[in-house]
Amino acid sequence: MEKVYIREVNELHRAKKIEENLNLHEHELKEEYRRLLENFEEAIGQMRLITNVSDKIQKKLDRVNAALDQKNQELDGKNQELDLKNKQLQETIDQLTQARAGKIATTIVLILAIILFLIEEVLLEPLIADFVSTNQWVSIGIKLFLVLSLKPIESVMENVVLNYIYKKKLTFKVSEKI
């Protein structure tokens, strides 16, 4: 900072020396006073110039900061939109996964129902006919029991399939990170 104002500092030292040696004549005092005024006037001009340049730079900086703030707000808005879209996408994926698990569970239960029906018709029906030959209600009751037990079995199978799918996804995500 001292290098910027070398001339002014030198003039200040010179003026202090003059003050110490007031043995100067009137015309020398007037000359020194004139030089001091010229230097002071020039220093004021330089300070005005520096202030003007500084003000212009500050205005530009303010405009840039305002533009940055606006861009940051826009980015925040876009990030919020992306977060919402990601949430909606995740909900859709979860729904599709649930539907897929339900479809798989329904298929498994249907196959199980066919197998149980065949077992009941081939193995249990002759035994029931031998023990209770006149009452068909026992056979109908067993079939009704088998049909009514399919829905709880389907729910359990759906949970098992969902757990399997989620574990598979988790394993896949972990392997991706590695």
N, C-alpha and C. Protein backbone atom coordinates (compact mmCIF):
# COMPACT_ATOMS: atom_id res chain seq x y z
N MET A 1 0.82 -1.18 0.00
CA MET A 1 0.00 0.00 0.00
C MET A 1 0.87 1.25 0.00
N GLU A 2 2.00 1.17 0.67
CA GLU A 2 2.91 2.32 0.73
C GLU A 2 3.42 2.69 -0.66
N LYS A 3 3.62 1.68 -1.53
CA LYS A 3 4.15 1.95 -2.87
C LYS A 3 3.17 2.77 -3.70
N VAL A 4 1.89 2.61 -3.43
CA VAL A 4 0.88 3.32 -4.19
C VAL A 4 0.94 4.82 -3.88
N TYR A 5 1.24 5.16 -2.66
CA TYR A 5 1.21 6.56 -2.22
C TYR A 5 2.61 7.09 -1.88
N ILE A 6 3.62 6.67 -2.60
CA ILE A 6 5.00 7.09 -2.32
C ILE A 6 5.14 8.61 -2.44
N ARG A 7 4.62 9.12 -3.54
CA ARG A 7 4.75 10.56 -3.77
C ARG A 7 4.06 11.35 -2.67
N GLU A 8 2.87 10.93 -2.29
CA GLU A 8 2.13 11.65 -1.25
C GLU A 8 2.85 11.58 0.09
N VAL A 9 3.42 10.42 0.38
CA VAL A 9 4.16 10.27 1.65
C VAL A 9 5.41 11.15 1.63
N ASN A 10 6.08 11.18 0.47
CA ASN A 10 7.27 12.06 0.36
C ASN A 10 6.88 13.53 0.56
N GLU A 11 5.77 13.94 -0.04
CA GLU A 11 5.31 15.33 0.12
C GLU A 11 4.96 15.62 1.57
N LEU A 12 4.38 14.65 2.22
CA LEU A 12 4.04 14.83 3.64
C LEU A 12 5.29 15.02 4.47
N HIS A 13 6.31 14.20 4.24
CA HIS A 13 7.58 14.35 4.96
C HIS A 13 8.23 15.71 4.67
N ARG A 14 8.16 16.10 3.42
CA ARG A 14 8.74 17.40 3.01
C ARG A 14 8.02 18.53 3.73
N ALA A 15 6.67 18.44 3.80
CA ALA A 15 5.90 19.49 4.47
C ALA A 15 6.24 19.54 5.96
N LYS A 16 6.47 18.40 6.57
CA LYS A 16 6.83 18.36 8.00
C LYS A 16 8.20 19.00 8.23
N LYS A 17 9.12 18.75 7.29
CA LYS A 17 10.44 19.38 7.41
C LYS A 17 10.35 20.89 7.28
N ILE A 18 9.49 21.31 6.36
CA ILE A 18 9.30 22.76 6.18
C ILE A 18 8.75 23.36 7.47
N GLU A 19 7.83 22.65 8.06
CA GLU A 19 7.24 23.16 9.31
C GLU A 19 8.32 23.30 10.38
N GLU A 20 9.25 22.35 10.41
CA GLU A 20 10.32 22.41 11.40
C GLU A 20 11.26 23.58 11.11
N ASN A 21 11.46 23.91 9.84
CA ASN A 21 12.36 25.00 9.44
C ASN A 21 11.55 26.20 8.96
N LEU A 22 10.89 26.82 9.79
CA LEU A 22 10.09 27.96 9.38
C LEU A 22 10.97 29.20 9.16
N ASN A 23 12.18 29.00 8.83
CA ASN A 23 13.09 30.10 8.55
C ASN A 23 12.99 30.52 7.08
N LEU A 24 12.01 29.97 6.34
CA LEU A 24 11.87 30.29 4.92
C LEU A 24 11.31 31.68 4.75
N HIS A 25 11.60 32.24 3.59
CA HIS A 25 11.06 33.56 3.27
C HIS A 25 9.64 33.41 2.74
N GLU A 26 8.99 34.54 2.62
CA GLU A 26 7.58 34.52 2.23
C GLU A 26 7.37 33.91 0.85
N HIS A 27 8.23 34.25 -0.11
CA HIS A 27 8.03 33.70 -1.44
C HIS A 27 8.32 32.19 -1.45
N GLU A 28 9.25 31.70 -0.61
CA GLU A 28 9.50 30.26 -0.51
C GLU A 28 8.29 29.56 0.14
N LEU A 29 7.72 30.23 1.16
CA LEU A 29 6.54 29.66 1.81
C LEU A 29 5.38 29.57 0.83
N LYS A 30 5.19 30.61 0.03
CA LYS A 30 4.11 30.60 -0.95
C LYS A 30 4.33 29.49 -1.98
N GLU A 31 5.57 29.30 -2.42
CA GLU A 31 5.87 28.26 -3.41
C GLU A 31 5.60 26.87 -2.81
N GLU A 32 6.04 26.65 -1.61
CA GLU A 32 5.81 25.36 -0.95
C GLU A 32 4.32 25.14 -0.71
N TYR A 33 3.62 26.19 -0.33
CA TYR A 33 2.18 26.08 -0.09
C TYR A 33 1.44 25.74 -1.40
N ARG A 34 1.87 26.38 -2.51
CA ARG A 34 1.28 26.11 -3.82
C ARG A 34 1.52 24.65 -4.21
N ARG A 35 2.74 24.17 -4.02
CA ARG A 35 3.06 22.76 -4.34
C ARG A 35 2.21 21.81 -3.49
N LEU A 36 2.06 22.15 -2.23
CA LEU A 36 1.26 21.32 -1.33
C LEU A 36 -0.19 21.27 -1.79
N LEU A 37 -0.74 22.42 -2.20
CA LEU A 37 -2.11 22.45 -2.70
C LEU A 37 -2.26 21.63 -3.99
N GLU A 38 -1.28 21.74 -4.90
CA GLU A 38 -1.34 20.97 -6.15
C GLU A 38 -1.33 19.47 -5.86
N ASN A 39 -0.42 19.08 -4.98
CA ASN A 39 -0.34 17.65 -4.63
C ASN A 39 -1.63 17.17 -3.94
N PHE A 40 -2.18 18.04 -3.09
CA PHE A 40 -3.41 17.68 -2.39
C PHE A 40 -4.57 17.55 -3.39
N GLU A 41 -4.63 18.47 -4.34
CA GLU A 41 -5.68 18.43 -5.35
C GLU A 41 -5.54 17.18 -6.22
N GLU A 42 -4.33 16.83 -6.59
CA GLU A 42 -4.09 15.63 -7.39
C GLU A 42 -4.45 14.37 -6.59
N ALA A 43 -4.12 14.36 -5.31
CA ALA A 43 -4.46 13.20 -4.46
C ALA A 43 -5.97 13.03 -4.38
N ILE A 44 -6.70 14.16 -4.25
CA ILE A 44 -8.16 14.09 -4.21
C ILE A 44 -8.69 13.54 -5.54
N GLY A 45 -8.14 13.95 -6.65
CA GLY A 45 -8.55 13.44 -7.96
C GLY A 45 -8.33 11.94 -8.07
N GLN A 46 -7.16 11.49 -7.59
CA GLN A 46 -6.87 10.06 -7.63
C GLN A 46 -7.82 9.28 -6.73
N MET A 47 -8.12 9.85 -5.55
CA MET A 47 -9.06 9.17 -4.65
C MET A 47 -10.45 9.07 -5.28
N ARG A 48 -10.87 10.16 -5.98
CA ARG A 48 -12.17 10.12 -6.66
C ARG A 48 -12.17 9.03 -7.74
N LEU A 49 -11.08 8.97 -8.51
CA LEU A 49 -10.98 7.96 -9.56
C LEU A 49 -11.03 6.55 -8.96
N ILE A 50 -10.26 6.34 -7.92
CA ILE A 50 -10.24 5.03 -7.26
C ILE A 50 -11.63 4.70 -6.71
N THR A 51 -12.29 5.68 -6.13
CA THR A 51 -13.64 5.46 -5.60
C THR A 51 -14.62 5.12 -6.71
N ASN A 52 -14.54 5.84 -7.84
CA ASN A 52 -15.42 5.55 -8.98
C ASN A 52 -15.19 4.15 -9.52
N VAL A 53 -13.92 3.78 -9.70
CA VAL A 53 -13.59 2.44 -10.19
C VAL A 53 -14.10 1.39 -9.20
N SER A 54 -13.86 1.64 -7.93
CA SER A 54 -14.32 0.72 -6.89
C SER A 54 -15.83 0.58 -6.90
N ASP A 55 -16.55 1.70 -7.07
CA ASP A 55 -18.02 1.65 -7.13
C ASP A 55 -18.50 0.84 -8.33
N LYS A 56 -17.86 1.05 -9.49
CA LYS A 56 -18.25 0.29 -10.69
C LYS A 56 -18.00 -1.20 -10.49
N ILE A 57 -16.86 -1.51 -9.91
CA ILE A 57 -16.54 -2.92 -9.66
C ILE A 57 -17.54 -3.52 -8.67
N GLN A 58 -17.89 -2.75 -7.64
CA GLN A 58 -18.86 -3.23 -6.65
C GLN A 58 -20.23 -3.46 -7.29
N LYS A 59 -20.64 -2.56 -8.20
CA LYS A 59 -21.93 -2.73 -8.87
C LYS A 59 -21.92 -4.00 -9.73
N LYS A 60 -20.82 -4.21 -10.44
CA LYS A 60 -20.70 -5.43 -11.25
C LYS A 60 -20.75 -6.66 -10.35
N LEU A 61 -20.04 -6.60 -9.24
CA LEU A 61 -20.03 -7.71 -8.29
C LEU A 61 -21.43 -7.96 -7.73
N ASP A 62 -22.16 -6.89 -7.43
CA ASP A 62 -23.52 -7.03 -6.94
C ASP A 62 -24.43 -7.70 -7.98
N ARG A 63 -24.26 -7.28 -9.26
CA ARG A 63 -25.07 -7.88 -10.33
C ARG A 63 -24.74 -9.37 -10.48
N VAL A 64 -23.46 -9.69 -10.43
CA VAL A 64 -23.05 -11.09 -10.55
C VAL A 64 -23.59 -11.91 -9.38
N ASN A 65 -23.51 -11.35 -8.16
CA ASN A 65 -24.04 -12.05 -6.98
C ASN A 65 -25.55 -12.25 -7.10
N ALA A 66 -26.26 -11.24 -7.60
CA ALA A 66 -27.71 -11.36 -7.78
C ALA A 66 -28.03 -12.45 -8.81
N ALA A 67 -27.25 -12.49 -9.90
CA ALA A 67 -27.45 -13.52 -10.92
C ALA A 67 -27.17 -14.90 -10.33
N LEU A 68 -26.11 -14.99 -9.53
CA LEU A 68 -25.79 -16.27 -8.89
C LEU A 68 -26.90 -16.71 -7.93
N ASP A 69 -27.42 -15.76 -7.16
CA ASP A 69 -28.52 -16.08 -6.25
C ASP A 69 -29.74 -16.58 -7.03
N GLN A 70 -30.04 -15.92 -8.15
CA GLN A 70 -31.17 -16.34 -8.97
C GLN A 70 -30.94 -17.75 -9.51
N LYS A 71 -29.73 -18.00 -10.01
CA LYS A 71 -29.41 -19.34 -10.54
C LYS A 71 -29.48 -20.38 -9.43
N ASN A 72 -29.02 -20.04 -8.23
CA ASN A 72 -29.10 -20.98 -7.11
C ASN A 72 -30.56 -21.29 -6.77
N GLN A 73 -31.41 -20.26 -6.81
CA GLN A 73 -32.83 -20.49 -6.54
C GLN A 73 -33.44 -21.38 -7.62
N GLU A 74 -33.06 -21.14 -8.87
CA GLU A 74 -33.55 -21.98 -9.96
C GLU A 74 -33.10 -23.42 -9.76
N LEU A 75 -31.82 -23.59 -9.39
CA LEU A 75 -31.29 -24.94 -9.15
C LEU A 75 -32.01 -25.61 -7.98
N ASP A 76 -32.28 -24.84 -6.93
CA ASP A 76 -33.02 -25.40 -5.80
C ASP A 76 -34.40 -25.87 -6.23
N GLY A 77 -35.05 -25.06 -7.07
CA GLY A 77 -36.37 -25.45 -7.59
C GLY A 77 -36.28 -26.72 -8.42
N LYS A 78 -35.27 -26.78 -9.28
CA LYS A 78 -35.08 -27.98 -10.11
C LYS A 78 -34.78 -29.19 -9.24
N ASN A 79 -33.96 -29.00 -8.21
CA ASN A 79 -33.65 -30.11 -7.30
C ASN A 79 -34.90 -30.60 -6.58
N GLN A 80 -35.77 -29.68 -6.18
CA GLN A 80 -37.02 -30.08 -5.54
C GLN A 80 -37.90 -30.85 -6.52
N GLU A 81 -37.95 -30.38 -7.77
CA GLU A 81 -38.71 -31.10 -8.78
C GLU A 81 -38.15 -32.50 -8.98
N LEU A 82 -36.82 -32.60 -9.05
CA LEU A 82 -36.19 -33.91 -9.22
C LEU A 82 -36.47 -34.82 -8.03
N ASP A 83 -36.42 -34.26 -6.83
CA ASP A 83 -36.72 -35.06 -5.64
C ASP A 83 -38.15 -35.59 -5.70
N LEU A 84 -39.08 -34.74 -6.12
CA LEU A 84 -40.47 -35.16 -6.24
C LEU A 84 -40.61 -36.25 -7.29
N LYS A 85 -39.96 -36.04 -8.44
CA LYS A 85 -40.02 -37.04 -9.51
C LYS A 85 -39.40 -38.36 -9.05
N ASN A 86 -38.28 -38.28 -8.33
CA ASN A 86 -37.65 -39.50 -7.82
C ASN A 86 -38.57 -40.23 -6.85
N LYS A 87 -39.25 -39.47 -6.00
CA LYS A 87 -40.18 -40.07 -5.04
C LYS A 87 -41.33 -40.75 -5.79
N GLN A 88 -41.89 -40.05 -6.79
CA GLN A 88 -42.97 -40.64 -7.58
C GLN A 88 -42.50 -41.88 -8.32
N LEU A 89 -41.29 -41.81 -8.87
CA LEU A 89 -40.73 -42.95 -9.59
C LEU A 89 -40.53 -44.13 -8.65
N GLN A 90 -40.03 -43.85 -7.44
CA GLN A 90 -39.82 -44.92 -6.47
C GLN A 90 -41.15 -45.55 -6.07
N GLU A 91 -42.18 -44.70 -5.89
CA GLU A 91 -43.50 -45.24 -5.55
C GLU A 91 -44.04 -46.12 -6.68
N THR A 92 -43.83 -45.69 -7.92
CA THR A 92 -44.28 -46.49 -9.07
C THR A 92 -43.52 -47.81 -9.14
N ILE A 93 -42.21 -47.75 -8.90
CA ILE A 93 -41.40 -48.97 -8.90
C ILE A 93 -41.88 -49.92 -7.80
N ASP A 94 -42.17 -49.36 -6.63
CA ASP A 94 -42.66 -50.20 -5.52
C ASP A 94 -44.01 -50.84 -5.88
N GLN A 95 -44.88 -50.06 -6.52
CA GLN A 95 -46.18 -50.60 -6.92
C GLN A 95 -46.00 -51.71 -7.95
N LEU A 96 -45.10 -51.48 -8.92
CA LEU A 96 -44.85 -52.51 -9.93
C LEU A 96 -44.24 -53.76 -9.31
N THR A 97 -43.35 -53.55 -8.35
CA THR A 97 -42.74 -54.70 -7.67
C THR A 97 -43.81 -55.47 -6.91
N GLN A 98 -44.70 -54.75 -6.23
CA GLN A 98 -45.78 -55.40 -5.49
C GLN A 98 -46.69 -56.17 -6.45
N ALA A 99 -47.00 -55.56 -7.59
CA ALA A 99 -47.85 -56.23 -8.57
C ALA A 99 -47.16 -57.48 -9.13
N ARG A 100 -45.88 -57.36 -9.36
CA ARG A 100 -45.11 -58.50 -9.87
C ARG A 100 -45.11 -59.63 -8.84
N ALA A 101 -44.89 -59.26 -7.58
CA ALA A 101 -44.89 -60.27 -6.52
C ALA A 101 -46.27 -60.91 -6.40
N GLY A 102 -47.32 -60.08 -6.51
CA GLY A 102 -48.68 -60.62 -6.44
C GLY A 102 -48.96 -61.59 -7.58
N LYS A 103 -48.47 -61.25 -8.76
CA LYS A 103 -48.68 -62.12 -9.92
C LYS A 103 -47.96 -63.46 -9.74
N ILE A 104 -46.73 -63.38 -9.26
CA ILE A 104 -45.95 -64.60 -9.03
C ILE A 104 -46.64 -65.45 -7.95
N ALA A 105 -47.07 -64.79 -6.87
CA ALA A 105 -47.72 -65.52 -5.78
C ALA A 105 -49.03 -66.16 -6.27
N THR A 106 -49.79 -65.44 -7.08
CA THR A 106 -51.04 -65.99 -7.62
C THR A 106 -50.76 -67.20 -8.49
N THR A 107 -49.72 -67.13 -9.29
CA THR A 107 -49.36 -68.26 -10.15
C THR A 107 -48.98 -69.47 -9.31
N ILE A 108 -48.18 -69.24 -8.26
CA ILE A 108 -47.76 -70.34 -7.39
C ILE A 108 -48.98 -70.95 -6.69
N VAL A 109 -49.87 -70.10 -6.21
CA VAL A 109 -51.06 -70.59 -5.50
C VAL A 109 -51.97 -71.35 -6.48
N LEU A 110 -52.08 -70.87 -7.70
CA LEU A 110 -52.90 -71.57 -8.69
C LEU A 110 -52.34 -72.97 -8.96
N ILE A 111 -51.04 -73.05 -9.10
CA ILE A 111 -50.41 -74.37 -9.31
C ILE A 111 -50.64 -75.24 -8.08
N LEU A 112 -50.48 -74.66 -6.90
CA LEU A 112 -50.72 -75.39 -5.65
C LEU A 112 -52.18 -75.85 -5.56
N ALA A 113 -53.12 -75.00 -5.98
CA ALA A 113 -54.54 -75.36 -5.95
C ALA A 113 -54.82 -76.54 -6.87
N ILE A 114 -54.22 -76.52 -8.04
CA ILE A 114 -54.41 -77.63 -8.98
C ILE A 114 -53.86 -78.92 -8.38
N ILE A 115 -52.66 -78.82 -7.77
CA ILE A 115 -52.05 -80.00 -7.16
C ILE A 115 -52.92 -80.51 -6.01
N LEU A 116 -53.39 -79.58 -5.16
CA LEU A 116 -54.24 -79.99 -4.04
C LEU A 116 -55.56 -80.60 -4.53
N PHE A 117 -56.15 -80.02 -5.56
CA PHE A 117 -57.38 -80.56 -6.10
C PHE A 117 -57.16 -81.98 -6.63
N LEU A 118 -56.04 -82.17 -7.36
CA LEU A 118 -55.75 -83.52 -7.88
C LEU A 118 -55.51 -84.51 -6.75
N ILE A 119 -54.77 -84.06 -5.72
CA ILE A 119 -54.52 -84.95 -4.58
C ILE A 119 -55.85 -85.31 -3.90
N GLU A 120 -56.69 -84.29 -3.74
CA GLU A 120 -57.99 -84.53 -3.09
C GLU A 120 -58.84 -85.48 -3.91
N GLU A 121 -58.87 -85.28 -5.22
CA GLU A 121 -59.70 -86.12 -6.09
C GLU A 121 -59.16 -87.54 -6.18
N VAL A 122 -57.84 -87.67 -6.29
CA VAL A 122 -57.25 -88.99 -6.51
C VAL A 122 -57.08 -89.75 -5.19
N LEU A 123 -56.58 -89.10 -4.15
CA LEU A 123 -56.24 -89.83 -2.92
C LEU A 123 -57.32 -89.72 -1.84
N LEU A 124 -57.81 -88.51 -1.57
CA LEU A 124 -58.72 -88.33 -0.45
C LEU A 124 -60.16 -88.73 -0.78
N GLU A 125 -60.60 -88.45 -1.99
CA GLU A 125 -62.00 -88.75 -2.36
C GLU A 125 -62.35 -90.23 -2.19
N PRO A 126 -61.49 -91.16 -2.65
CA PRO A 126 -61.83 -92.58 -2.42
C PRO A 126 -61.88 -92.93 -0.93
N LEU A 127 -60.96 -92.35 -0.13
CA LEU A 127 -60.98 -92.64 1.30
C LEU A 127 -62.24 -92.11 1.95
N ILE A 128 -62.62 -90.89 1.58
CA ILE A 128 -63.83 -90.29 2.14
C ILE A 128 -65.05 -91.10 1.71
N ALA A 129 -65.08 -91.53 0.47
CA ALA A 129 -66.21 -92.31 -0.03
C ALA A 129 -66.34 -93.63 0.73
N ASP A 130 -65.21 -94.25 1.12
CA ASP A 130 -65.25 -95.50 1.88
C ASP A 130 -65.78 -95.29 3.29
N PHE A 131 -65.36 -94.21 3.96
CA PHE A 131 -65.77 -93.97 5.35
C PHE A 131 -67.18 -93.39 5.43
N VAL A 132 -67.45 -92.43 4.59
CA VAL A 132 -68.75 -91.77 4.64
C VAL A 132 -69.37 -91.88 3.25
N SER A 133 -69.94 -92.98 2.95
CA SER A 133 -70.42 -93.22 1.59
C SER A 133 -71.72 -92.49 1.28
N THR A 134 -72.51 -92.21 2.24
CA THR A 134 -73.80 -91.59 1.96
C THR A 134 -73.79 -90.08 2.10
N ASN A 135 -72.78 -89.50 2.73
CA ASN A 135 -72.77 -88.06 3.00
C ASN A 135 -71.76 -87.35 2.10
N GLN A 136 -72.24 -86.62 1.14
CA GLN A 136 -71.36 -85.87 0.23
C GLN A 136 -70.90 -84.55 0.86
N TRP A 137 -71.50 -84.15 1.94
CA TRP A 137 -71.15 -82.88 2.59
C TRP A 137 -69.72 -82.89 3.13
N VAL A 138 -69.23 -84.02 3.52
CA VAL A 138 -67.85 -84.10 4.01
C VAL A 138 -66.89 -83.78 2.87
N SER A 139 -67.13 -84.33 1.71
CA SER A 139 -66.30 -84.06 0.54
C SER A 139 -66.38 -82.60 0.14
N ILE A 140 -67.58 -82.06 0.17
CA ILE A 140 -67.75 -80.64 -0.17
C ILE A 140 -67.06 -79.77 0.88
N GLY A 141 -67.13 -80.13 2.14
CA GLY A 141 -66.47 -79.38 3.21
C GLY A 141 -64.95 -79.35 3.05
N ILE A 142 -64.38 -80.49 2.68
CA ILE A 142 -62.92 -80.55 2.47
C ILE A 142 -62.53 -79.66 1.29
N LYS A 143 -63.31 -79.72 0.22
CA LYS A 143 -63.01 -78.87 -0.95
C LYS A 143 -63.17 -77.39 -0.59
N LEU A 144 -64.20 -77.08 0.19
CA LEU A 144 -64.41 -75.70 0.63
C LEU A 144 -63.24 -75.23 1.51
N PHE A 145 -62.78 -76.10 2.39
CA PHE A 145 -61.62 -75.77 3.22
C PHE A 145 -60.39 -75.49 2.35
N LEU A 146 -60.16 -76.31 1.35
CA LEU A 146 -59.02 -76.10 0.45
C LEU A 146 -59.13 -74.77 -0.29
N VAL A 147 -60.33 -74.45 -0.77
CA VAL A 147 -60.53 -73.21 -1.51
C VAL A 147 -60.32 -72.00 -0.59
N LEU A 148 -60.88 -72.05 0.62
CA LEU A 148 -60.75 -70.92 1.54
C LEU A 148 -59.33 -70.74 2.07
N SER A 149 -58.54 -71.80 2.08
CA SER A 149 -57.16 -71.68 2.56
C SER A 149 -56.22 -71.12 1.48
N LEU A 150 -56.70 -70.98 0.26
CA LEU A 150 -55.84 -70.49 -0.82
C LEU A 150 -55.50 -69.00 -0.66
N LYS A 151 -56.44 -68.18 -0.20
CA LYS A 151 -56.19 -66.73 -0.06
C LYS A 151 -55.11 -66.46 1.00
N PRO A 152 -55.17 -67.04 2.19
CA PRO A 152 -54.06 -66.82 3.14
C PRO A 152 -52.72 -67.34 2.61
N ILE A 153 -52.78 -68.45 1.90
CA ILE A 153 -51.54 -68.99 1.31
C ILE A 153 -51.00 -68.00 0.27
N GLU A 154 -51.90 -67.40 -0.51
CA GLU A 154 -51.47 -66.42 -1.51
C GLU A 154 -50.81 -65.21 -0.84
N SER A 155 -51.39 -64.72 0.26
CA SER A 155 -50.81 -63.57 0.99
C SER A 155 -49.42 -63.89 1.51
N VAL A 156 -49.27 -65.07 2.08
CA VAL A 156 -47.95 -65.48 2.59
C VAL A 156 -46.96 -65.59 1.45
N MET A 157 -47.39 -66.17 0.34
CA MET A 157 -46.48 -66.32 -0.81
C MET A 157 -46.09 -64.95 -1.38
N GLU A 158 -47.03 -64.02 -1.39
CA GLU A 158 -46.73 -62.67 -1.89
C GLU A 158 -45.67 -62.02 -1.02
N ASN A 159 -45.78 -62.13 0.30
CA ASN A 159 -44.77 -61.57 1.22
C ASN A 159 -43.42 -62.24 1.01
N VAL A 160 -43.42 -63.54 0.82
CA VAL A 160 -42.16 -64.26 0.59
C VAL A 160 -41.50 -63.78 -0.70
N VAL A 161 -42.29 -63.65 -1.75
CA VAL A 161 -41.75 -63.20 -3.05
C VAL A 161 -41.25 -61.75 -2.93
N LEU A 162 -42.01 -60.89 -2.26
CA LEU A 162 -41.57 -59.50 -2.07
C LEU A 162 -40.25 -59.43 -1.32
N ASN A 163 -40.14 -60.17 -0.25
CA ASN A 163 -38.88 -60.20 0.50
C ASN A 163 -37.73 -60.68 -0.37
N TYR A 164 -37.97 -61.68 -1.17
CA TYR A 164 -36.93 -62.19 -2.07
C TYR A 164 -36.50 -61.11 -3.07
N ILE A 165 -37.51 -60.42 -3.65
CA ILE A 165 -37.20 -59.38 -4.65
C ILE A 165 -36.42 -58.25 -4.00
N TYR A 166 -36.84 -57.80 -2.80
CA TYR A 166 -36.14 -56.69 -2.13
C TYR A 166 -34.72 -57.09 -1.74
N LYS A 167 -34.53 -58.31 -1.29
CA LYS A 167 -33.17 -58.78 -0.96
C LYS A 167 -32.31 -58.82 -2.21
N LYS A 168 -32.91 -59.25 -3.31
CA LYS A 168 -32.19 -59.31 -4.58
C LYS A 168 -31.77 -57.91 -5.02
N LYS A 169 -32.70 -56.92 -4.90
CA LYS A 169 -32.38 -55.53 -5.25
C LYS A 169 -31.28 -54.99 -4.35
N LEU A 170 -31.37 -55.28 -3.06
CA LEU A 170 -30.37 -54.79 -2.11
C LEU A 170 -29.00 -55.37 -2.45
N THR A 171 -28.95 -56.64 -2.76
CA THR A 171 -27.68 -57.27 -3.13
C THR A 171 -27.14 -56.64 -4.40
N PHE A 172 -28.01 -56.34 -5.36
CA PHE A 172 -27.60 -55.72 -6.62
C PHE A 172 -27.05 -54.32 -6.36
N LYS A 173 -27.72 -53.52 -5.50
CA LYS A 173 -27.24 -52.16 -5.21
C LYS A 173 -25.90 -52.19 -4.50
N VAL A 174 -25.70 -53.12 -3.59
CA VAL A 174 -24.43 -53.24 -2.87
C VAL A 174 -23.33 -53.61 -3.85
N SER A 175 -23.59 -54.53 -4.76
CA SER A 175 -22.57 -54.95 -5.73
C SER A 175 -22.26 -53.82 -6.71
N GLU A 176 -23.24 -52.94 -7.00
CA GLU A 176 -22.98 -51.80 -7.87
C GLU A 176 -22.02 -50.81 -7.22
N LYS A 177 -22.17 -50.59 -5.92
CA LYS A 177 -21.33 -49.63 -5.21
C LYS A 177 -19.90 -50.11 -5.10
N ILE A 178 -19.73 -51.41 -5.08
CA ILE A 178 -18.36 -51.95 -4.96
C ILE A 178 -17.73 -51.87 -6.31
